[in-house]
Amino acid sequence: MNIKYGINKTMNLIICLLTISFSIVLNTMLLQAQSTADKDKPLVIAFIPQENPEKLIGDIEKITKYLENELGIEVKGYVTQDHAAAVEALRYNEADISFMGGLPYVLAHNHIGAEVILSEVYRGSPVYRGRIFVRKDSGIKKLEDIRGKSIAFADPLSESGFIYPLDIFVEKGLIKQSEDPQNYFSAVYFAGGYQQAIQAMANGLVDAAGVSQFAEYLLTPEQLQNIKWIAESKPIPSHVVVVRKGLDPDKKEKFKNALLKLNKPENKYLLKYIYNPDGYVEAKHEDYKSVEEMARLYGYLK
């Protein structure tokens, strides 16, 4: 063996190992510094506008006050423009936590390492469905009757407010999976939330609405009497609470425990200020594999 070559090879290996070690130490120091900085900052929460944003602003004041008392730190909340804005807020550390649906969550998980910590239990179930709603006087009795008519969805990044209702038409063979929905409907609108989409239908602005089965609870009693649903999707895992990558672990754990405390009878009244679920349960990414598969099916993920 060439001794000089052996020494050079050994020195190169040592230098390589030292470089790797330095990189690991540097990254650890940066993460620790970020974590320390996190502890001194307010906790910022992004809320998606699945119902009237004006109502949400009032609700946020109530729930952030509760969280501040529980966490002992300043908590700020705001309503995002849409689901995509909530994901971007997590990406750029403009929000630490977000309430969102399963589809934006799996996108945030795959693209920016966001983590699910909790999911909702709603009307006694951890799953729900998307539905197609129409007015009773519309003359629409089945999906085929909507051909050439207008429809409102909630948001292009909503599972129950877009891809699962759209999938109802695909499963029925009325629209091809890769087809532009505009080829089937006369017009497709994204209203910005469940409430906005179903009210657009109830008020006669569009012929149909593809939204969560629970969107009907966002209507007035008079509106509710005049609508019906004609088809529903396969089951969808409930909405989630998501934290950004790198959030201080202590903050994350305290926040999670504060939300789980809302399951207690004396705190349940506060649930009406965060989308009104029955309560929260711990969740993991595997619970949302079916949504992830749907996202790949419709081209949201590769």
C-alpha atoms as a PDB file:
ATOM      1  CA  MET A   1       0.000   0.000   0.000  1.00  0.00           C
ATOM      2  CA  ASN A   2       1.214   3.529  -0.800  1.00  0.00           C
ATOM      3  CA  ILE A   3       1.856   5.086   2.662  1.00  0.00           C
ATOM      4  CA  LYS A   4       1.429   8.647   1.400  1.00  0.00           C
ATOM      5  CA  TYR A   5      -1.878   7.692  -0.211  1.00  0.00           C
ATOM      6  CA  GLY A   6      -2.990   6.013   3.004  1.00  0.00           C
ATOM      7  CA  ILE A   7      -2.130   9.088   5.090  1.00  0.00           C
ATOM      8  CA  ASN A   8      -3.888  11.409   2.647  1.00  0.00           C
ATOM      9  CA  LYS A   9      -6.954   9.175   2.614  1.00  0.00           C
ATOM     10  CA  THR A  10      -7.014   9.116   6.414  1.00  0.00           C
ATOM     11  CA  MET A  11      -6.605  12.896   6.646  1.00  0.00           C
ATOM     12  CA  ASN A  12      -9.407  13.413   4.118  1.00  0.00           C
ATOM     13  CA  LEU A  13     -11.658  11.127   6.158  1.00  0.00           C
ATOM     14  CA  ILE A  14     -10.828  13.026   9.376  1.00  0.00           C
ATOM     15  CA  ILE A  15     -11.519  16.370   7.694  1.00  0.00           C
ATOM     16  CA  CYS A  16     -14.801  15.008   6.316  1.00  0.00           C
ATOM     17  CA  LEU A  17     -15.853  13.732   9.757  1.00  0.00           C
ATOM     18  CA  LEU A  18     -14.884  17.017  11.397  1.00  0.00           C
ATOM     19  CA  THR A  19     -16.903  18.923   8.789  1.00  0.00           C
ATOM     20  CA  ILE A  20     -19.935  16.720   9.394  1.00  0.00           C
ATOM     21  CA  SER A  21     -19.541  17.059  13.171  1.00  0.00           C
ATOM     22  CA  PHE A  22     -19.238  20.837  12.890  1.00  0.00           C
ATOM     23  CA  SER A  23     -22.331  20.937  10.686  1.00  0.00           C
ATOM     24  CA  ILE A  24     -24.308  18.861  13.197  1.00  0.00           C
ATOM     25  CA  VAL A  25     -23.179  21.071  16.090  1.00  0.00           C
ATOM     26  CA  LEU A  26     -23.977  24.242  14.119  1.00  0.00           C
ATOM     27  CA  ASN A  27     -27.439  22.993  13.158  1.00  0.00           C
ATOM     28  CA  THR A  28     -28.106  21.965  16.764  1.00  0.00           C
ATOM     29  CA  MET A  29     -27.040  25.422  17.974  1.00  0.00           C
ATOM     30  CA  LEU A  30     -29.261  27.108  15.389  1.00  0.00           C
ATOM     31  CA  LEU A  31     -32.257  24.971  16.388  1.00  0.00           C
ATOM     32  CA  GLN A  32     -31.618  25.701  20.065  1.00  0.00           C
ATOM     33  CA  ALA A  33     -31.317  29.397  19.319  1.00  0.00           C
ATOM     34  CA  GLN A  34     -34.562  29.316  17.340  1.00  0.00           C
ATOM     35  CA  SER A  35     -36.273  27.418  20.168  1.00  0.00           C
ATOM     36  CA  THR A  36     -35.014  29.979  22.724  1.00  0.00           C
ATOM     37  CA  ALA A  37     -36.206  32.823  20.506  1.00  0.00           C
ATOM     38  CA  ASP A  38     -39.596  31.090  20.114  1.00  0.00           C
ATOM     39  CA  LYS A  39     -40.086  31.126  23.877  1.00  0.00           C
ATOM     40  CA  ASP A  40     -39.911  34.926  23.940  1.00  0.00           C
ATOM     41  CA  LYS A  41     -42.319  35.477  21.048  1.00  0.00           C
ATOM     42  CA  PRO A  42     -46.131  35.572  21.071  1.00  0.00           C
ATOM     43  CA  LEU A  43     -47.846  32.407  19.835  1.00  0.00           C
ATOM     44  CA  VAL A  44     -49.519  33.220  16.507  1.00  0.00           C
ATOM     45  CA  ILE A  45     -52.516  31.213  15.265  1.00  0.00           C
ATOM     46  CA  ALA A  46     -53.949  31.279  11.724  1.00  0.00           C
ATOM     47  CA  PHE A  47     -57.674  30.562  11.324  1.00  0.00           C
ATOM     48  CA  ILE A  48     -59.109  29.556   7.949  1.00  0.00           C
ATOM     49  CA  PRO A  49     -62.298  31.394   6.844  1.00  0.00           C
ATOM     50  CA  GLN A  50     -64.644  28.407   6.586  1.00  0.00           C
ATOM     51  CA  GLU A  51     -67.402  30.594   8.011  1.00  0.00           C
ATOM     52  CA  ASN A  52     -68.107  34.328   8.062  1.00  0.00           C
ATOM     53  CA  PRO A  53     -64.724  36.024   8.717  1.00  0.00           C
ATOM     54  CA  GLU A  54     -66.394  38.824  10.707  1.00  0.00           C
ATOM     55  CA  LYS A  55     -67.816  36.279  13.162  1.00  0.00           C
ATOM     56  CA  LEU A  56     -64.430  34.560  13.364  1.00  0.00           C
ATOM     57  CA  ILE A  57     -62.703  37.798  14.388  1.00  0.00           C
ATOM     58  CA  GLY A  58     -64.949  38.029  17.463  1.00  0.00           C
ATOM     59  CA  ASP A  59     -64.472  34.330  18.225  1.00  0.00           C
ATOM     60  CA  ILE A  60     -60.679  34.672  18.018  1.00  0.00           C
ATOM     61  CA  GLU A  61     -60.675  37.285  20.776  1.00  0.00           C
ATOM     62  CA  LYS A  62     -62.456  34.863  23.111  1.00  0.00           C
ATOM     63  CA  ILE A  63     -60.299  31.815  22.433  1.00  0.00           C
ATOM     64  CA  THR A  64     -56.957  33.668  22.461  1.00  0.00           C
ATOM     65  CA  LYS A  65     -57.817  35.113  25.874  1.00  0.00           C
ATOM     66  CA  TYR A  66     -58.421  31.566  27.180  1.00  0.00           C
ATOM     67  CA  LEU A  67     -55.140  30.376  25.654  1.00  0.00           C
ATOM     68  CA  GLU A  68     -53.166  33.266  27.132  1.00  0.00           C
ATOM     69  CA  ASN A  69     -54.438  32.334  30.602  1.00  0.00           C
ATOM     70  CA  GLU A  70     -53.523  28.686  30.065  1.00  0.00           C
ATOM     71  CA  LEU A  71     -50.122  29.199  28.440  1.00  0.00           C
ATOM     72  CA  GLY A  72     -48.970  32.260  30.321  1.00  0.00           C
ATOM     73  CA  ILE A  73     -47.794  33.968  27.125  1.00  0.00           C
ATOM     74  CA  GLU A  74     -49.222  36.388  24.573  1.00  0.00           C
ATOM     75  CA  VAL A  75     -51.378  34.693  21.929  1.00  0.00           C
ATOM     76  CA  LYS A  76     -52.371  36.373  18.668  1.00  0.00           C
ATOM     77  CA  GLY A  77     -54.865  35.097  16.111  1.00  0.00           C
ATOM     78  CA  TYR A  78     -55.990  36.220  12.668  1.00  0.00           C
ATOM     79  CA  VAL A  79     -58.170  35.035   9.777  1.00  0.00           C
ATOM     80  CA  THR A  80     -56.283  34.067   6.622  1.00  0.00           C
ATOM     81  CA  GLN A  81     -57.542  34.923   3.167  1.00  0.00           C
ATOM     82  CA  ASP A  82     -57.880  31.237   2.283  1.00  0.00           C
ATOM     83  CA  HIS A  83     -56.429  27.769   2.929  1.00  0.00           C
ATOM     84  CA  ALA A  84     -53.322  28.422   0.819  1.00  0.00           C
ATOM     85  CA  ALA A  85     -52.534  31.524   2.878  1.00  0.00           C
ATOM     86  CA  ALA A  86     -52.648  29.427   6.070  1.00  0.00           C
ATOM     87  CA  VAL A  87     -50.086  27.006   4.623  1.00  0.00           C
ATOM     88  CA  GLU A  88     -47.844  29.879   3.533  1.00  0.00           C
ATOM     89  CA  ALA A  89     -48.103  31.458   6.982  1.00  0.00           C
ATOM     90  CA  LEU A  90     -46.702  28.251   8.483  1.00  0.00           C
ATOM     91  CA  ARG A  91     -44.000  28.097   5.807  1.00  0.00           C
ATOM     92  CA  TYR A  92     -42.660  31.584   6.549  1.00  0.00           C
ATOM     93  CA  ASN A  93     -43.132  31.464  10.347  1.00  0.00           C
ATOM     94  CA  GLU A  94     -45.886  34.083  10.137  1.00  0.00           C
ATOM     95  CA  ALA A  95     -48.027  31.638  12.121  1.00  0.00           C
ATOM     96  CA  ASP A  96     -47.019  28.952  14.591  1.00  0.00           C
ATOM     97  CA  ILE A  97     -50.268  27.014  14.550  1.00  0.00           C
ATOM     98  CA  SER A  98     -53.232  26.740  12.207  1.00  0.00           C
ATOM     99  CA  PHE A  99     -56.688  25.211  12.246  1.00  0.00           C
ATOM    100  CA  MET A 100     -57.256  23.717   8.788  1.00  0.00           C
ATOM    101  CA  GLY A 101     -58.717  20.891   6.759  1.00  0.00           C
ATOM    102  CA  GLY A 102     -57.050  17.614   5.884  1.00  0.00           C
ATOM    103  CA  LEU A 103     -56.032  18.630   2.347  1.00  0.00           C
ATOM    104  CA  PRO A 104     -54.084  21.786   3.239  1.00  0.00           C
ATOM    105  CA  TYR A 105     -52.560  19.825   6.115  1.00  0.00           C
ATOM    106  CA  VAL A 106     -51.147  17.026   3.907  1.00  0.00           C
ATOM    107  CA  LEU A 107     -49.763  19.661   1.531  1.00  0.00           C
ATOM    108  CA  ALA A 108     -48.162  21.517   4.447  1.00  0.00           C
ATOM    109  CA  HIS A 109     -46.770  18.250   5.802  1.00  0.00           C
ATOM    110  CA  ASN A 110     -45.247  17.190   2.494  1.00  0.00           C
ATOM    111  CA  HIS A 111     -43.891  20.580   1.438  1.00  0.00           C
ATOM    112  CA  ILE A 112     -42.846  22.285   4.671  1.00  0.00           C
ATOM    113  CA  GLY A 113     -42.769  19.584   7.364  1.00  0.00           C
ATOM    114  CA  ALA A 114     -45.851  20.775   9.289  1.00  0.00           C
ATOM    115  CA  GLU A 115     -47.100  18.404  11.987  1.00  0.00           C
ATOM    116  CA  VAL A 116     -50.648  17.467  12.954  1.00  0.00           C
ATOM    117  CA  ILE A 117     -51.243  17.346  16.709  1.00  0.00           C
ATOM    118  CA  LEU A 118     -55.031  17.201  17.112  1.00  0.00           C
ATOM    119  CA  SER A 119     -58.172  16.520  15.121  1.00  0.00           C
ATOM    120  CA  GLU A 120     -61.774  17.491  15.696  1.00  0.00           C
ATOM    121  CA  VAL A 121     -64.613  15.283  16.786  1.00  0.00           C
ATOM    122  CA  TYR A 122     -67.691  16.787  15.174  1.00  0.00           C
ATOM    123  CA  ARG A 123     -71.289  15.746  15.765  1.00  0.00           C
ATOM    124  CA  GLY A 124     -70.034  12.614  17.503  1.00  0.00           C
ATOM    125  CA  SER A 125     -67.747  11.428  14.686  1.00  0.00           C
ATOM    126  CA  PRO A 126     -64.048  11.735  13.707  1.00  0.00           C
ATOM    127  CA  VAL A 127     -65.065  11.671  10.010  1.00  0.00           C
ATOM    128  CA  TYR A 128     -67.518  13.586   7.849  1.00  0.00           C
ATOM    129  CA  ARG A 129     -68.504  13.912   4.173  1.00  0.00           C
ATOM    130  CA  GLY A 130     -68.773  16.412   1.361  1.00  0.00           C
ATOM    131  CA  ARG A 131     -72.224  16.926  -0.106  1.00  0.00           C
ATOM    132  CA  ILE A 132     -73.884  18.476  -3.137  1.00  0.00           C
ATOM    133  CA  PHE A 133     -76.618  20.899  -2.060  1.00  0.00           C
ATOM    134  CA  VAL A 134     -79.354  22.435  -4.231  1.00  0.00           C
ATOM    135  CA  ARG A 135     -82.548  24.424  -3.656  1.00  0.00           C
ATOM    136  CA  LYS A 136     -85.729  22.411  -3.435  1.00  0.00           C
ATOM    137  CA  ASP A 137     -87.358  24.558  -6.119  1.00  0.00           C
ATOM    138  CA  SER A 138     -84.428  24.240  -8.546  1.00  0.00           C
ATOM    139  CA  GLY A 139     -85.805  21.228 -10.382  1.00  0.00           C
ATOM    140  CA  ILE A 140     -82.506  19.420  -9.750  1.00  0.00           C
ATOM    141  CA  LYS A 141     -83.127  15.890  -8.516  1.00  0.00           C
ATOM    142  CA  LYS A 142     -79.889  14.093  -9.374  1.00  0.00           C
ATOM    143  CA  LEU A 143     -76.272  14.869 -10.281  1.00  0.00           C
ATOM    144  CA  GLU A 144     -76.944  14.578 -14.000  1.00  0.00           C
ATOM    145  CA  ASP A 145     -79.365  17.513 -13.714  1.00  0.00           C
ATOM    146  CA  ILE A 146     -76.495  19.840 -12.755  1.00  0.00           C
ATOM    147  CA  ARG A 147     -74.806  19.478 -16.166  1.00  0.00           C
ATOM    148  CA  GLY A 148     -74.557  22.929 -17.724  1.00  0.00           C
ATOM    149  CA  LYS A 149     -75.464  24.681 -14.458  1.00  0.00           C
ATOM    150  CA  SER A 150     -73.372  26.721 -12.038  1.00  0.00           C
ATOM    151  CA  ILE A 151     -71.789  25.464  -8.808  1.00  0.00           C
ATOM    152  CA  ALA A 152     -69.978  27.061  -5.877  1.00  0.00           C
ATOM    153  CA  PHE A 153     -67.216  25.329  -3.947  1.00  0.00           C
ATOM    154  CA  ALA A 154     -65.546  26.641  -0.793  1.00  0.00           C
ATOM    155  CA  ASP A 155     -61.859  26.707  -1.719  1.00  0.00           C
ATOM    156  CA  PRO A 156     -59.582  24.927  -4.227  1.00  0.00           C
ATOM    157  CA  LEU A 157     -57.474  23.664  -1.273  1.00  0.00           C
ATOM    158  CA  SER A 158     -60.444  22.287   0.637  1.00  0.00           C
ATOM    159  CA  GLU A 159     -61.136  18.563   0.864  1.00  0.00           C
ATOM    160  CA  SER A 160     -64.857  18.738   1.765  1.00  0.00           C
ATOM    161  CA  GLY A 161     -65.234  22.093   0.013  1.00  0.00           C
ATOM    162  CA  PHE A 162     -63.856  20.943  -3.336  1.00  0.00           C
ATOM    163  CA  ILE A 163     -62.023  17.709  -4.163  1.00  0.00           C
ATOM    164  CA  TYR A 164     -64.344  15.288  -2.346  1.00  0.00           C
ATOM    165  CA  PRO A 165     -67.537  16.895  -3.745  1.00  0.00           C
ATOM    166  CA  LEU A 166     -65.899  16.975  -7.188  1.00  0.00           C
ATOM    167  CA  ASP A 167     -64.985  13.313  -6.751  1.00  0.00           C
ATOM    168  CA  ILE A 168     -68.696  12.530  -6.382  1.00  0.00           C
ATOM    169  CA  PHE A 169     -69.148  13.490 -10.047  1.00  0.00           C
ATOM    170  CA  VAL A 170     -66.015  11.547 -11.026  1.00  0.00           C
ATOM    171  CA  GLU A 171     -67.174   8.407  -9.190  1.00  0.00           C
ATOM    172  CA  LYS A 172     -70.517   8.695 -10.984  1.00  0.00           C
ATOM    173  CA  GLY A 173     -68.696   8.817 -14.347  1.00  0.00           C
ATOM    174  CA  LEU A 174     -69.960  12.313 -15.181  1.00  0.00           C
ATOM    175  CA  ILE A 175     -66.541  14.010 -15.107  1.00  0.00           C
ATOM    176  CA  LYS A 176     -63.167  12.488 -15.902  1.00  0.00           C
ATOM    177  CA  GLN A 177     -60.560  12.733 -13.164  1.00  0.00           C
ATOM    178  CA  SER A 178     -58.206  14.856 -15.255  1.00  0.00           C
ATOM    179  CA  GLU A 179     -60.978  16.903 -16.850  1.00  0.00           C
ATOM    180  CA  ASP A 180     -61.555  20.597 -16.255  1.00  0.00           C
ATOM    181  CA  PRO A 181     -64.828  20.859 -14.261  1.00  0.00           C
ATOM    182  CA  GLN A 182     -65.738  23.871 -16.389  1.00  0.00           C
ATOM    183  CA  ASN A 183     -66.503  21.372 -19.165  1.00  0.00           C
ATOM    184  CA  TYR A 184     -69.391  19.964 -17.110  1.00  0.00           C
ATOM    185  CA  PHE A 185     -70.680  23.053 -15.311  1.00  0.00           C
ATOM    186  CA  SER A 186     -71.594  26.374 -16.881  1.00  0.00           C
ATOM    187  CA  ALA A 187     -69.525  28.125 -14.208  1.00  0.00           C
ATOM    188  CA  VAL A 188     -67.379  27.105 -11.222  1.00  0.00           C
ATOM    189  CA  TYR A 189     -66.895  29.520  -8.330  1.00  0.00           C
ATOM    190  CA  PHE A 190     -64.728  29.377  -5.212  1.00  0.00           C
ATOM    191  CA  ALA A 191     -66.623  31.389  -2.638  1.00  0.00           C
ATOM    192  CA  GLY A 192     -63.939  31.485   0.071  1.00  0.00           C
ATOM    193  CA  GLY A 193     -65.617  29.290   2.686  1.00  0.00           C
ATOM    194  CA  TYR A 194     -68.411  26.817   3.410  1.00  0.00           C
ATOM    195  CA  GLN A 195     -70.837  29.480   4.556  1.00  0.00           C
ATOM    196  CA  GLN A 196     -70.228  31.723   1.578  1.00  0.00           C
ATOM    197  CA  ALA A 197     -70.641  28.841  -0.901  1.00  0.00           C
ATOM    198  CA  ILE A 198     -73.833  27.363   0.543  1.00  0.00           C
ATOM    199  CA  GLN A 199     -75.409  30.786   1.012  1.00  0.00           C
ATOM    200  CA  ALA A 200     -74.647  31.626  -2.617  1.00  0.00           C
ATOM    201  CA  MET A 201     -76.682  28.553  -3.565  1.00  0.00           C
ATOM    202  CA  ALA A 202     -79.460  29.222  -1.016  1.00  0.00           C
ATOM    203  CA  ASN A 203     -79.776  32.818  -2.264  1.00  0.00           C
ATOM    204  CA  GLY A 204     -80.036  31.732  -5.905  1.00  0.00           C
ATOM    205  CA  LEU A 205     -76.675  33.093  -7.029  1.00  0.00           C
ATOM    206  CA  VAL A 206     -75.597  29.606  -8.180  1.00  0.00           C
ATOM    207  CA  ASP A 207     -77.501  26.389  -8.871  1.00  0.00           C
ATOM    208  CA  ALA A 208     -75.554  24.065  -6.566  1.00  0.00           C
ATOM    209  CA  ALA A 209     -72.932  24.016  -3.827  1.00  0.00           C
ATOM    210  CA  GLY A 210     -70.255  21.401  -3.122  1.00  0.00           C
ATOM    211  CA  VAL A 211     -69.362  21.731   0.559  1.00  0.00           C
ATOM    212  CA  SER A 212     -69.121  19.953   3.911  1.00  0.00           C
ATOM    213  CA  GLN A 213     -72.227  18.139   5.114  1.00  0.00           C
ATOM    214  CA  PHE A 214     -72.211  20.487   8.111  1.00  0.00           C
ATOM    215  CA  ALA A 215     -72.338  23.658   6.011  1.00  0.00           C
ATOM    216  CA  GLU A 216     -76.113  23.616   6.274  1.00  0.00           C
ATOM    217  CA  TYR A 217     -75.770  24.626   9.929  1.00  0.00           C
ATOM    218  CA  LEU A 218     -74.368  27.935   8.696  1.00  0.00           C
ATOM    219  CA  LEU A 219     -77.693  28.880   7.079  1.00  0.00           C
ATOM    220  CA  THR A 220     -80.661  30.657   8.589  1.00  0.00           C
ATOM    221  CA  PRO A 221     -83.688  28.474   9.505  1.00  0.00           C
ATOM    222  CA  GLU A 222     -85.563  29.956   6.537  1.00  0.00           C
ATOM    223  CA  GLN A 223     -82.754  29.097   4.115  1.00  0.00           C
ATOM    224  CA  LEU A 224     -82.423  25.622   5.581  1.00  0.00           C
ATOM    225  CA  GLN A 225     -86.081  24.844   4.843  1.00  0.00           C
ATOM    226  CA  ASN A 226     -85.548  25.540   1.157  1.00  0.00           C
ATOM    227  CA  ILE A 227     -82.481  23.410   0.415  1.00  0.00           C
ATOM    228  CA  LYS A 228     -81.617  19.711   0.154  1.00  0.00           C
ATOM    229  CA  TRP A 229     -78.607  17.533  -0.609  1.00  0.00           C
ATOM    230  CA  ILE A 230     -78.653  15.034  -3.451  1.00  0.00           C
ATOM    231  CA  ALA A 231     -75.299  13.205  -3.142  1.00  0.00           C
ATOM    232  CA  GLU A 232     -72.460  12.752  -0.671  1.00  0.00           C
ATOM    233  CA  SER A 233     -68.807  11.767  -0.822  1.00  0.00           C
ATOM    234  CA  LYS A 234     -66.777   9.001   0.771  1.00  0.00           C
ATOM    235  CA  PRO A 235     -65.761   9.629   4.414  1.00  0.00           C
ATOM    236  CA  ILE A 236     -63.200  12.365   5.157  1.00  0.00           C
ATOM    237  CA  PRO A 237     -61.060  12.576   8.324  1.00  0.00           C
ATOM    238  CA  SER A 238     -61.998  15.618  10.405  1.00  0.00           C
ATOM    239  CA  HIS A 239     -60.289  19.007  10.415  1.00  0.00           C
ATOM    240  CA  VAL A 240     -56.963  19.312  12.194  1.00  0.00           C
ATOM    241  CA  VAL A 241     -54.759  21.493  14.350  1.00  0.00           C
ATOM    242  CA  VAL A 242     -51.316  21.851  12.760  1.00  0.00           C
ATOM    243  CA  VAL A 243     -48.020  23.257  14.048  1.00  0.00           C
ATOM    244  CA  ARG A 244     -45.154  24.559  11.964  1.00  0.00           C
ATOM    245  CA  LYS A 245     -41.833  22.776  11.755  1.00  0.00           C
ATOM    246  CA  GLY A 246     -39.408  23.871  14.471  1.00  0.00           C
ATOM    247  CA  LEU A 247     -41.951  25.284  16.922  1.00  0.00           C
ATOM    248  CA  ASP A 248     -40.656  25.238  20.498  1.00  0.00           C
ATOM    249  CA  PRO A 249     -41.664  21.785  21.899  1.00  0.00           C
ATOM    250  CA  ASP A 250     -42.756  23.259  25.237  1.00  0.00           C
ATOM    251  CA  LYS A 251     -45.096  25.716  23.517  1.00  0.00           C
ATOM    252  CA  LYS A 252     -46.482  22.954  21.324  1.00  0.00           C
ATOM    253  CA  GLU A 253     -47.191  20.638  24.265  1.00  0.00           C
ATOM    254  CA  LYS A 254     -48.789  23.358  26.392  1.00  0.00           C
ATOM    255  CA  PHE A 255     -50.992  24.452  23.492  1.00  0.00           C
ATOM    256  CA  LYS A 256     -52.092  20.881  22.800  1.00  0.00           C
ATOM    257  CA  ASN A 257     -52.976  20.328  26.462  1.00  0.00           C
ATOM    258  CA  ALA A 258     -54.892  23.624  26.578  1.00  0.00           C
ATOM    259  CA  LEU A 259     -57.086  22.534  23.651  1.00  0.00           C
ATOM    260  CA  LEU A 260     -57.620  19.070  25.139  1.00  0.00           C
ATOM    261  CA  LYS A 261     -58.841  20.764  28.324  1.00  0.00           C
ATOM    262  CA  LEU A 262     -61.742  22.114  26.257  1.00  0.00           C
ATOM    263  CA  ASN A 263     -63.157  18.569  26.318  1.00  0.00           C
ATOM    264  CA  LYS A 264     -63.946  19.035  30.017  1.00  0.00           C
ATOM    265  CA  PRO A 265     -67.610  19.908  30.756  1.00  0.00           C
ATOM    266  CA  GLU A 266     -66.739  23.218  32.429  1.00  0.00           C
ATOM    267  CA  ASN A 267     -64.774  24.377  29.337  1.00  0.00           C
ATOM    268  CA  LYS A 268     -66.942  23.042  26.512  1.00  0.00           C
ATOM    269  CA  TYR A 269     -68.725  26.364  26.044  1.00  0.00           C
ATOM    270  CA  LEU A 270     -65.461  27.719  24.573  1.00  0.00           C
ATOM    271  CA  LEU A 271     -65.577  25.241  21.669  1.00  0.00           C
ATOM    272  CA  LYS A 272     -68.150  27.418  19.911  1.00  0.00           C
ATOM    273  CA  TYR A 273     -65.378  29.984  19.407  1.00  0.00           C
ATOM    274  CA  ILE A 274     -63.201  27.576  17.369  1.00  0.00           C
ATOM    275  CA  TYR A 275     -65.576  26.186  14.728  1.00  0.00           C
ATOM    276  CA  ASN A 276     -67.826  24.514  17.315  1.00  0.00           C
ATOM    277  CA  PRO A 277     -66.584  20.878  17.356  1.00  0.00           C
ATOM    278  CA  ASP A 278     -67.579  18.402  20.073  1.00  0.00           C
ATOM    279  CA  GLY A 279     -63.950  18.359  21.180  1.00  0.00           C
ATOM    280  CA  TYR A 280     -60.433  17.312  20.216  1.00  0.00           C
ATOM    281  CA  VAL A 281     -58.438  14.073  20.117  1.00  0.00           C
ATOM    282  CA  GLU A 282     -54.738  13.497  19.512  1.00  0.00           C
ATOM    283  CA  ALA A 283     -53.891  12.776  15.867  1.00  0.00           C
ATOM    284  CA  LYS A 284     -50.998  11.530  13.754  1.00  0.00           C
ATOM    285  CA  HIS A 285     -50.111  11.751  10.077  1.00  0.00           C
ATOM    286  CA  GLU A 286     -51.202   8.164   9.374  1.00  0.00           C
ATOM    287  CA  ASP A 287     -54.798   9.218  10.136  1.00  0.00           C
ATOM    288  CA  TYR A 288     -54.709  11.373   6.987  1.00  0.00           C
ATOM    289  CA  LYS A 289     -53.228   8.895   4.512  1.00  0.00           C
ATOM    290  CA  SER A 290     -56.578   8.658   2.668  1.00  0.00           C
ATOM    291  CA  VAL A 291     -56.576  12.438   2.123  1.00  0.00           C
ATOM    292  CA  GLU A 292     -52.949  12.249   0.994  1.00  0.00           C
ATOM    293  CA  GLU A 293     -53.909   9.588  -1.572  1.00  0.00           C
ATOM    294  CA  MET A 294     -56.761  11.778  -2.821  1.00  0.00           C
ATOM    295  CA  ALA A 295     -54.345  14.711  -3.122  1.00  0.00           C
ATOM    296  CA  ARG A 296     -52.050  12.599  -5.309  1.00  0.00           C
ATOM    297  CA  LEU A 297     -55.007  11.367  -7.359  1.00  0.00           C
ATOM    298  CA  TYR A 298     -56.039  14.928  -8.213  1.00  0.00           C
ATOM    299  CA  GLY A 299     -52.536  16.244  -8.853  1.00  0.00           C
ATOM    300  CA  TYR A 300     -51.969  18.215  -5.639  1.00  0.00           C
ATOM    301  CA  LEU A 301     -49.007  15.983  -4.752  1.00  0.00           C
ATOM    302  CA  LYS A 302     -46.634  14.013  -6.968  1.00  0.00           C
END
